[in-house]
C-alpha atoms as a PDB file:
ATOM      1  CA  MET A   1       8.087  -9.831 -15.176  1.00  0.00           C
ATOM      2  CA  ASN A   2       5.672  -7.667 -13.202  1.00  0.00           C
ATOM      3  CA  PRO A   3       6.455  -3.973 -13.802  1.00  0.00           C
ATOM      4  CA  PHE A   4       4.397  -3.077 -10.669  1.00  0.00           C
ATOM      5  CA  SER A   5       6.546  -5.302  -8.385  1.00  0.00           C
ATOM      6  CA  LEU A   6       8.661  -3.632  -5.672  1.00  0.00           C
ATOM      7  CA  GLU A   7      10.878  -6.654  -5.113  1.00  0.00           C
ATOM      8  CA  GLY A   8      14.372  -5.677  -4.159  1.00  0.00           C
ATOM      9  CA  LYS A   9      13.403  -2.082  -3.444  1.00  0.00           C
ATOM     10  CA  HIS A  10      13.800  -0.260  -0.123  1.00  0.00           C
ATOM     11  CA  ILE A  11      10.951   2.243   0.463  1.00  0.00           C
ATOM     12  CA  VAL A  12      10.708   4.849   3.220  1.00  0.00           C
ATOM     13  CA  VAL A  13       7.213   5.782   4.323  1.00  0.00           C
ATOM     14  CA  SER A  14       6.593   8.780   6.648  1.00  0.00           C
ATOM     15  CA  GLY A  15       3.351   8.987   8.563  1.00  0.00           C
ATOM     16  CA  ALA A  16       3.210   5.192   8.554  1.00  0.00           C
ATOM     17  CA  SER A  17       1.469   4.907  11.883  1.00  0.00           C
ATOM     18  CA  SER A  18      -2.115   5.588  10.572  1.00  0.00           C
ATOM     19  CA  GLY A  19      -4.371   6.256   7.673  1.00  0.00           C
ATOM     20  CA  ILE A  20      -3.027   6.484   4.157  1.00  0.00           C
ATOM     21  CA  GLY A  21       0.600   6.267   5.263  1.00  0.00           C
ATOM     22  CA  GLN A  22      -0.103   3.043   7.128  1.00  0.00           C
ATOM     23  CA  GLN A  23      -1.822   1.447   4.101  1.00  0.00           C
ATOM     24  CA  CYS A  24       1.046   2.577   1.835  1.00  0.00           C
ATOM     25  CA  ALA A  25       3.518   0.720   4.079  1.00  0.00           C
ATOM     26  CA  ILE A  26       1.382  -2.367   4.026  1.00  0.00           C
ATOM     27  CA  SER A  27       0.837  -2.327   0.308  1.00  0.00           C
ATOM     28  CA  CYS A  28       4.539  -1.716  -0.453  1.00  0.00           C
ATOM     29  CA  ALA A  29       5.366  -4.781   1.600  1.00  0.00           C
ATOM     30  CA  GLU A  30       2.708  -6.824  -0.172  1.00  0.00           C
ATOM     31  CA  MET A  31       4.429  -5.895  -3.436  1.00  0.00           C
ATOM     32  CA  GLY A  32       7.797  -7.147  -2.136  1.00  0.00           C
ATOM     33  CA  ALA A  33       9.507  -4.024  -0.797  1.00  0.00           C
ATOM     34  CA  ARG A  34      11.542  -3.696   2.357  1.00  0.00           C
ATOM     35  CA  VAL A  35       9.924  -0.731   4.167  1.00  0.00           C
ATOM     36  CA  SER A  36      11.342   1.795   6.686  1.00  0.00           C
ATOM     37  CA  LEU A  37       8.344   3.178   8.670  1.00  0.00           C
ATOM     38  CA  LEU A  38       8.574   6.645  10.103  1.00  0.00           C
ATOM     39  CA  GLY A  39       6.207   8.172  12.707  1.00  0.00           C
ATOM     40  CA  ARG A  40       5.892   9.746  16.086  1.00  0.00           C
ATOM     41  CA  ASN A  41       4.165   6.889  17.878  1.00  0.00           C
ATOM     42  CA  SER A  42       6.042   3.676  18.481  1.00  0.00           C
ATOM     43  CA  GLU A  43       3.016   1.603  19.437  1.00  0.00           C
ATOM     44  CA  ARG A  44       1.072   2.530  16.367  1.00  0.00           C
ATOM     45  CA  LEU A  45       4.123   1.907  14.151  1.00  0.00           C
ATOM     46  CA  GLN A  46       4.290  -1.547  15.691  1.00  0.00           C
ATOM     47  CA  GLN A  47       0.621  -2.097  14.827  1.00  0.00           C
ATOM     48  CA  THR A  48       1.416  -1.189  11.207  1.00  0.00           C
ATOM     49  CA  LEU A  49       4.449  -3.502  11.221  1.00  0.00           C
ATOM     50  CA  SER A  50       2.264  -6.388  12.564  1.00  0.00           C
ATOM     51  CA  GLN A  51       0.089  -6.165   9.507  1.00  0.00           C
ATOM     52  CA  MET A  52       2.928  -6.215   6.862  1.00  0.00           C
ATOM     53  CA  ASP A  53       4.105  -9.094   4.760  1.00  0.00           C
ATOM     54  CA  GLY A  54       7.749 -10.132   4.369  1.00  0.00           C
ATOM     55  CA  THR A  55      10.853  -9.279   6.458  1.00  0.00           C
ATOM     56  CA  GLY A  56      13.524  -6.632   6.691  1.00  0.00           C
ATOM     57  CA  HIS A  57      11.164  -3.821   7.730  1.00  0.00           C
ATOM     58  CA  HIS A  58      12.184  -1.417  10.448  1.00  0.00           C
ATOM     59  CA  ILE A  59      10.366   1.390  12.409  1.00  0.00           C
ATOM     60  CA  TYR A  60      11.824   4.729  13.362  1.00  0.00           C
ATOM     61  CA  VAL A  61      10.250   7.040  15.889  1.00  0.00           C
ATOM     62  CA  VAL A  62      11.045  10.580  14.748  1.00  0.00           C
ATOM     63  CA  ASP A  63       9.585  14.075  14.965  1.00  0.00           C
ATOM     64  CA  LEU A  64       9.817  15.217  11.324  1.00  0.00           C
ATOM     65  CA  THR A  65       9.534  18.891  12.392  1.00  0.00           C
ATOM     66  CA  VAL A  66      13.068  18.672  13.914  1.00  0.00           C
ATOM     67  CA  GLU A  67      15.659  18.965  11.079  1.00  0.00           C
ATOM     68  CA  GLU A  68      18.514  17.280  12.982  1.00  0.00           C
ATOM     69  CA  ASP A  69      16.341  14.351  13.867  1.00  0.00           C
ATOM     70  CA  ILE A  70      15.474  13.846  10.242  1.00  0.00           C
ATOM     71  CA  LYS A  71      19.227  13.870   9.267  1.00  0.00           C
ATOM     72  CA  THR A  72      20.188  11.246  11.957  1.00  0.00           C
ATOM     73  CA  THR A  73      17.225   9.127  11.164  1.00  0.00           C
ATOM     74  CA  VAL A  74      17.942   8.967   7.390  1.00  0.00           C
ATOM     75  CA  GLN A  75      21.583   7.983   8.190  1.00  0.00           C
ATOM     76  CA  LYS A  76      20.379   5.228  10.493  1.00  0.00           C
ATOM     77  CA  ILE A  77      17.847   3.951   7.885  1.00  0.00           C
ATOM     78  CA  VAL A  78      20.646   3.670   5.233  1.00  0.00           C
ATOM     79  CA  ALA A  79      22.936   1.946   7.783  1.00  0.00           C
ATOM     80  CA  ASP A  80      20.228  -0.517   8.718  1.00  0.00           C
ATOM     81  CA  SER A  81      18.692  -1.325   5.320  1.00  0.00           C
ATOM     82  CA  GLY A  82      20.916   0.060   2.589  1.00  0.00           C
ATOM     83  CA  ARG A  83      20.332   2.660  -0.042  1.00  0.00           C
ATOM     84  CA  ILE A  84      16.773   3.983  -0.611  1.00  0.00           C
ATOM     85  CA  SER A  85      14.755   3.240  -3.712  1.00  0.00           C
ATOM     86  CA  GLY A  86      11.756   5.297  -2.951  1.00  0.00           C
ATOM     87  CA  LEU A  87      10.100   7.808  -0.544  1.00  0.00           C
ATOM     88  CA  LEU A  88       6.510   8.357   0.270  1.00  0.00           C
ATOM     89  CA  ASN A  89       5.986  11.647   2.141  1.00  0.00           C
ATOM     90  CA  ALA A  90       2.634  10.680   3.721  1.00  0.00           C
ATOM     91  CA  ALA A  91       3.074  12.508   7.039  1.00  0.00           C
ATOM     92  CA  GLY A  92       1.032  15.705   7.511  1.00  0.00           C
ATOM     93  CA  ILE A  93      -1.809  17.475   9.218  1.00  0.00           C
ATOM     94  CA  SER A  94      -5.228  18.642   8.069  1.00  0.00           C
ATOM     95  CA  GLY A  95      -7.929  21.066   9.271  1.00  0.00           C
ATOM     96  CA  THR A  96     -10.630  23.462   8.452  1.00  0.00           C
ATOM     97  CA  LEU A  97     -10.141  27.039   9.647  1.00  0.00           C
ATOM     98  CA  LEU A  98     -11.561  30.381   8.383  1.00  0.00           C
ATOM     99  CA  MET A  99      -8.920  32.962   7.545  1.00  0.00           C
ATOM    100  CA  LYS A 100     -10.021  35.338  10.415  1.00  0.00           C
ATOM    101  CA  SER A 101      -8.959  32.538  12.797  1.00  0.00           C
ATOM    102  CA  VAL A 102      -5.556  31.827  11.253  1.00  0.00           C
ATOM    103  CA  SER A 103      -2.658  33.019  13.397  1.00  0.00           C
ATOM    104  CA  GLY A 104       0.987  33.222  12.571  1.00  0.00           C
ATOM    105  CA  LYS A 105       1.580  30.295  14.877  1.00  0.00           C
ATOM    106  CA  LYS A 106      -0.974  28.173  13.026  1.00  0.00           C
ATOM    107  CA  LEU A 107       0.636  29.100   9.684  1.00  0.00           C
ATOM    108  CA  ASP A 108       3.975  27.917  11.035  1.00  0.00           C
ATOM    109  CA  GLU A 109       2.441  24.668  12.316  1.00  0.00           C
ATOM    110  CA  PHE A 110       0.882  23.760   8.968  1.00  0.00           C
ATOM    111  CA  PHE A 111       3.850  24.718   6.860  1.00  0.00           C
ATOM    112  CA  GLN A 112       6.276  22.972   9.203  1.00  0.00           C
ATOM    113  CA  ASN A 113       4.227  19.748   9.166  1.00  0.00           C
ATOM    114  CA  ASN A 114       3.085  19.662   5.607  1.00  0.00           C
ATOM    115  CA  VAL A 115       5.890  21.338   3.616  1.00  0.00           C
ATOM    116  CA  TYR A 116       9.144  21.802   5.538  1.00  0.00           C
ATOM    117  CA  SER A 117       9.293  18.282   6.920  1.00  0.00           C
ATOM    118  CA  ALA A 118       8.587  16.648   3.555  1.00  0.00           C
ATOM    119  CA  TYR A 119      11.059  18.888   1.708  1.00  0.00           C
ATOM    120  CA  ILE A 120      13.889  18.313   4.319  1.00  0.00           C
ATOM    121  CA  LEU A 121      13.269  14.555   4.441  1.00  0.00           C
ATOM    122  CA  THR A 122      13.390  14.426   0.646  1.00  0.00           C
ATOM    123  CA  ARG A 123      16.658  16.485   0.708  1.00  0.00           C
ATOM    124  CA  GLU A 124      18.254  14.164   3.147  1.00  0.00           C
ATOM    125  CA  VAL A 125      17.138  10.950   1.297  1.00  0.00           C
ATOM    126  CA  CYS A 126      18.630  12.348  -1.936  1.00  0.00           C
ATOM    127  CA  ARG A 127      22.057  13.023  -0.442  1.00  0.00           C
ATOM    128  CA  MET A 128      25.129  11.391  -1.936  1.00  0.00           C
ATOM    129  CA  GLY A 129      25.228   7.712  -0.863  1.00  0.00           C
ATOM    130  CA  HIS A 130      21.652   7.610   0.439  1.00  0.00           C
ATOM    131  CA  PHE A 131      19.647   7.014  -2.715  1.00  0.00           C
ATOM    132  CA  ALA A 132      19.973   3.901  -4.844  1.00  0.00           C
ATOM    133  CA  GLN A 133      22.378   4.333  -7.775  1.00  0.00           C
ATOM    134  CA  GLU A 134      19.751   3.104 -10.222  1.00  0.00           C
ATOM    135  CA  GLY A 135      17.390   5.832  -9.079  1.00  0.00           C
ATOM    136  CA  GLY A 136      13.744   5.451  -8.091  1.00  0.00           C
ATOM    137  CA  GLY A 137      10.713   7.477  -7.092  1.00  0.00           C
ATOM    138  CA  ILE A 138       9.636  10.156  -4.633  1.00  0.00           C
ATOM    139  CA  VAL A 139       6.034  10.965  -3.932  1.00  0.00           C
ATOM    140  CA  PHE A 140       4.578  14.038  -2.214  1.00  0.00           C
ATOM    141  CA  PHE A 141       1.082  13.817  -0.769  1.00  0.00           C
ATOM    142  CA  SER A 142      -0.883  16.821  -1.947  1.00  0.00           C
ATOM    143  CA  SER A 143      -4.702  17.066  -2.089  1.00  0.00           C
ATOM    144  CA  ILE A 144      -7.513  18.150  -4.345  1.00  0.00           C
ATOM    145  CA  MET A 145      -7.569  21.201  -2.058  1.00  0.00           C
ATOM    146  CA  GLY A 146      -4.213  22.172  -3.508  1.00  0.00           C
ATOM    147  CA  SER A 147      -6.010  22.876  -6.849  1.00  0.00           C
ATOM    148  CA  TYR A 148      -9.669  23.459  -5.991  1.00  0.00           C
ATOM    149  CA  GLY A 149     -11.145  25.832  -3.477  1.00  0.00           C
ATOM    150  CA  GLU A 150     -13.371  25.288  -0.489  1.00  0.00           C
ATOM    151  CA  THR A 151     -14.390  27.532   2.394  1.00  0.00           C
ATOM    152  CA  GLY A 152     -12.132  27.167   5.389  1.00  0.00           C
ATOM    153  CA  LYS A 153      -9.413  25.303   3.592  1.00  0.00           C
ATOM    154  CA  SER A 154      -7.064  28.193   2.574  1.00  0.00           C
ATOM    155  CA  LEU A 155      -4.383  27.342   5.110  1.00  0.00           C
ATOM    156  CA  TYR A 156      -4.405  23.615   4.340  1.00  0.00           C
ATOM    157  CA  ALA A 157      -4.675  24.300   0.565  1.00  0.00           C
ATOM    158  CA  MET A 158      -1.625  26.588   0.597  1.00  0.00           C
ATOM    159  CA  THR A 159       0.584  23.817   1.940  1.00  0.00           C
ATOM    160  CA  LYS A 160      -0.724  21.291  -0.528  1.00  0.00           C
ATOM    161  CA  GLY A 161      -0.295  23.707  -3.395  1.00  0.00           C
ATOM    162  CA  ALA A 162       3.252  24.236  -2.409  1.00  0.00           C
ATOM    163  CA  LEU A 163       3.948  20.537  -2.664  1.00  0.00           C
ATOM    164  CA  GLN A 164       2.542  20.457  -6.191  1.00  0.00           C
ATOM    165  CA  ALA A 165       4.831  23.313  -7.220  1.00  0.00           C
ATOM    166  CA  ALA A 166       7.834  21.688  -5.616  1.00  0.00           C
ATOM    167  CA  THR A 167       7.088  18.504  -7.408  1.00  0.00           C
ATOM    168  CA  LYS A 168       7.692  19.963 -10.829  1.00  0.00           C
ATOM    169  CA  SER A 169      10.899  21.709 -10.087  1.00  0.00           C
ATOM    170  CA  LEU A 170      12.399  18.831  -8.168  1.00  0.00           C
ATOM    171  CA  ALA A 171      11.489  16.509 -11.080  1.00  0.00           C
ATOM    172  CA  CYS A 172      13.718  18.677 -13.290  1.00  0.00           C
ATOM    173  CA  GLU A 173      16.515  18.873 -10.676  1.00  0.00           C
ATOM    174  CA  LEU A 174      16.662  15.168  -9.892  1.00  0.00           C
ATOM    175  CA  ALA A 175      16.021  13.695 -13.302  1.00  0.00           C
ATOM    176  CA  PRO A 176      19.828  13.480 -14.078  1.00  0.00           C
ATOM    177  CA  LYS A 177      20.015  11.097 -11.090  1.00  0.00           C
ATOM    178  CA  ASN A 178      17.104   9.058 -12.527  1.00  0.00           C
ATOM    179  CA  ILE A 179      15.036  10.029  -9.514  1.00  0.00           C
ATOM    180  CA  ARG A 180      11.369  10.604 -10.500  1.00  0.00           C
ATOM    181  CA  VAL A 181       9.347  13.057  -8.392  1.00  0.00           C
ATOM    182  CA  ASN A 182       5.517  13.052  -8.498  1.00  0.00           C
ATOM    183  CA  ALA A 183       2.585  13.974  -6.273  1.00  0.00           C
ATOM    184  CA  VAL A 184      -0.737  12.364  -5.501  1.00  0.00           C
ATOM    185  CA  SER A 185      -3.797  14.485  -4.731  1.00  0.00           C
ATOM    186  CA  PRO A 186      -6.493  12.385  -3.019  1.00  0.00           C
ATOM    187  CA  GLY A 187     -10.155  13.344  -2.740  1.00  0.00           C
ATOM    188  CA  LEU A 188     -11.955  12.391   0.419  1.00  0.00           C
ATOM    189  CA  ILE A 189     -10.609   9.152   1.814  1.00  0.00           C
ATOM    190  CA  ILE A 190     -12.251   7.260   4.608  1.00  0.00           C
ATOM    191  CA  THR A 191      -9.745   6.563   7.380  1.00  0.00           C
ATOM    192  CA  PRO A 192     -10.072   5.441  10.969  1.00  0.00           C
ATOM    193  CA  ILE A 193      -9.383   9.047  12.025  1.00  0.00           C
ATOM    194  CA  ASN A 194     -12.168  10.662  10.023  1.00  0.00           C
ATOM    195  CA  GLU A 195     -14.816   7.868   9.748  1.00  0.00           C
ATOM    196  CA  ASN A 196     -16.492   8.973  12.965  1.00  0.00           C
ATOM    197  CA  LEU A 197     -16.515  12.734  12.196  1.00  0.00           C
ATOM    198  CA  PRO A 198     -20.028  14.411  11.888  1.00  0.00           C
ATOM    199  CA  HIS A 199     -19.690  15.019   8.154  1.00  0.00           C
ATOM    200  CA  ILE A 200     -19.059  11.323   7.576  1.00  0.00           C
ATOM    201  CA  THR A 201     -21.507   9.770  10.037  1.00  0.00           C
ATOM    202  CA  ASP A 202     -24.422  12.108   9.188  1.00  0.00           C
ATOM    203  CA  PRO A 203     -26.279  10.388   6.272  1.00  0.00           C
ATOM    204  CA  SER A 204     -27.241  13.548   4.527  1.00  0.00           C
ATOM    205  CA  LYS A 205     -23.923  15.124   4.777  1.00  0.00           C
ATOM    206  CA  ARG A 206     -22.206  12.001   3.640  1.00  0.00           C
ATOM    207  CA  GLU A 207     -24.530  11.679   0.743  1.00  0.00           C
ATOM    208  CA  GLU A 208     -23.632  15.247  -0.311  1.00  0.00           C
ATOM    209  CA  LEU A 209     -19.943  14.439  -0.195  1.00  0.00           C
ATOM    210  CA  GLU A 210     -20.431  11.233  -2.151  1.00  0.00           C
ATOM    211  CA  ARG A 211     -22.236  13.201  -4.945  1.00  0.00           C
ATOM    212  CA  MET A 212     -19.137  15.372  -5.187  1.00  0.00           C
ATOM    213  CA  HIS A 213     -17.070  12.267  -6.053  1.00  0.00           C
ATOM    214  CA  LEU A 214     -18.389  10.519  -9.112  1.00  0.00           C
ATOM    215  CA  LEU A 215     -17.216   7.143  -7.851  1.00  0.00           C
ATOM    216  CA  GLY A 216     -18.143   7.715  -4.177  1.00  0.00           C
ATOM    217  CA  LEU A 217     -15.653   8.182  -1.378  1.00  0.00           C
ATOM    218  CA  GLY A 218     -12.201   6.567  -1.471  1.00  0.00           C
ATOM    219  CA  LYS A 219     -10.435   4.004   0.574  1.00  0.00           C
ATOM    220  CA  THR A 220      -6.829   4.155   1.792  1.00  0.00           C
ATOM    221  CA  GLU A 221      -5.956   1.319  -0.635  1.00  0.00           C
ATOM    222  CA  ASP A 222      -6.991   3.481  -3.587  1.00  0.00           C
ATOM    223  CA  VAL A 223      -4.192   5.960  -2.799  1.00  0.00           C
ATOM    224  CA  ALA A 224      -1.715   3.301  -1.781  1.00  0.00           C
ATOM    225  CA  ASN A 225      -2.198   1.497  -5.149  1.00  0.00           C
ATOM    226  CA  ALA A 226      -1.406   4.773  -6.965  1.00  0.00           C
ATOM    227  CA  CYS A 227       1.755   5.179  -4.872  1.00  0.00           C
ATOM    228  CA  VAL A 228       2.919   1.662  -5.676  1.00  0.00           C
ATOM    229  CA  TYR A 229       2.592   2.473  -9.329  1.00  0.00           C
ATOM    230  CA  LEU A 230       4.672   5.722  -8.948  1.00  0.00           C
ATOM    231  CA  LEU A 231       7.321   3.801  -7.080  1.00  0.00           C
ATOM    232  CA  SER A 232       7.550   0.942  -9.449  1.00  0.00           C
ATOM    233  CA  ASP A 233       9.224   0.472 -12.809  1.00  0.00           C
ATOM    234  CA  ALA A 234       5.788   0.683 -14.382  1.00  0.00           C
ATOM    235  CA  SER A 235       6.078   4.509 -14.086  1.00  0.00           C
ATOM    236  CA  ARG A 236       9.756   4.735 -15.141  1.00  0.00           C
ATOM    237  CA  TRP A 237       8.759   7.438 -17.745  1.00  0.00           C
ATOM    238  CA  VAL A 238       6.527   9.489 -15.382  1.00  0.00           C
ATOM    239  CA  THR A 239       7.865  12.468 -13.464  1.00  0.00           C
ATOM    240  CA  GLY A 240       6.686  15.906 -12.502  1.00  0.00           C
ATOM    241  CA  VAL A 241       3.070  14.723 -12.466  1.00  0.00           C
ATOM    242  CA  ASN A 242       0.322  15.488  -9.925  1.00  0.00           C
ATOM    243  CA  LEU A 243      -1.903  12.424 -10.046  1.00  0.00           C
ATOM    244  CA  TYR A 244      -5.495  12.986  -8.887  1.00  0.00           C
ATOM    245  CA  VAL A 245      -6.882  10.026  -6.974  1.00  0.00           C
ATOM    246  CA  ASP A 246     -10.248  11.507  -6.324  1.00  0.00           C
ATOM    247  CA  GLY A 247     -13.100   9.299  -7.589  1.00  0.00           C
ATOM    248  CA  GLY A 248     -13.916  11.903 -10.246  1.00  0.00           C
ATOM    249  CA  TYR A 249     -14.086  15.015  -8.054  1.00  0.00           C
ATOM    250  CA  THR A 250     -11.922  17.071 -10.450  1.00  0.00           C
ATOM    251  CA  ALA A 251     -13.794  15.858 -13.484  1.00  0.00           C
ATOM    252  CA  LYS A 252     -16.833  17.948 -12.716  1.00  0.00           C
END
């Protein structure tokens, strides 16, 4: 018996077309799960699918900022693959913006993509008949910025802090259904999207970032492995937790 196995589980991963979400889908499949992949770009979802082990996986092209599209997509997921055992809310946007440059429109954009979409997707997954009767796990993707400050990160940080707060109350609400709700808060993870940005490619700036993380910068696999744990039976007594996956950033 491997308590970390996802054999027989049906996992939904949003933001599965790139970065951490893509690796989460791949890792869940490696651990035996059937995975439903959500994203906006069909070609990139197909690329993720091509790297996954096993069978029974499906892709769904959906704009998670449209509530009705979320509802119909979840219904189709359950019709195609059966009840859902776990949800990884990996979709979201990031950015650095000083407060003086933040408009109401930008506030709406960040909260719509990072908070509302994850909350509504979670609500629909947890509807009667959608979630597995034996329960399972839901994971929100927060960030160290949801707990620690940095210049230019107030907008992004507000959305990630909101997810941490929601995690605790939803853990209380869903515990009677044996649905565990947790969050992961990554530090700086190297992904195909950010690996060519100036603060990563510049040796001196990268060295400064590495010093902030006691174990250096992270890989997408580091977060995906934490998510596998939170979806698996190994974490059956863990709920309402915000798990820092940050290479020691928050230890300093």
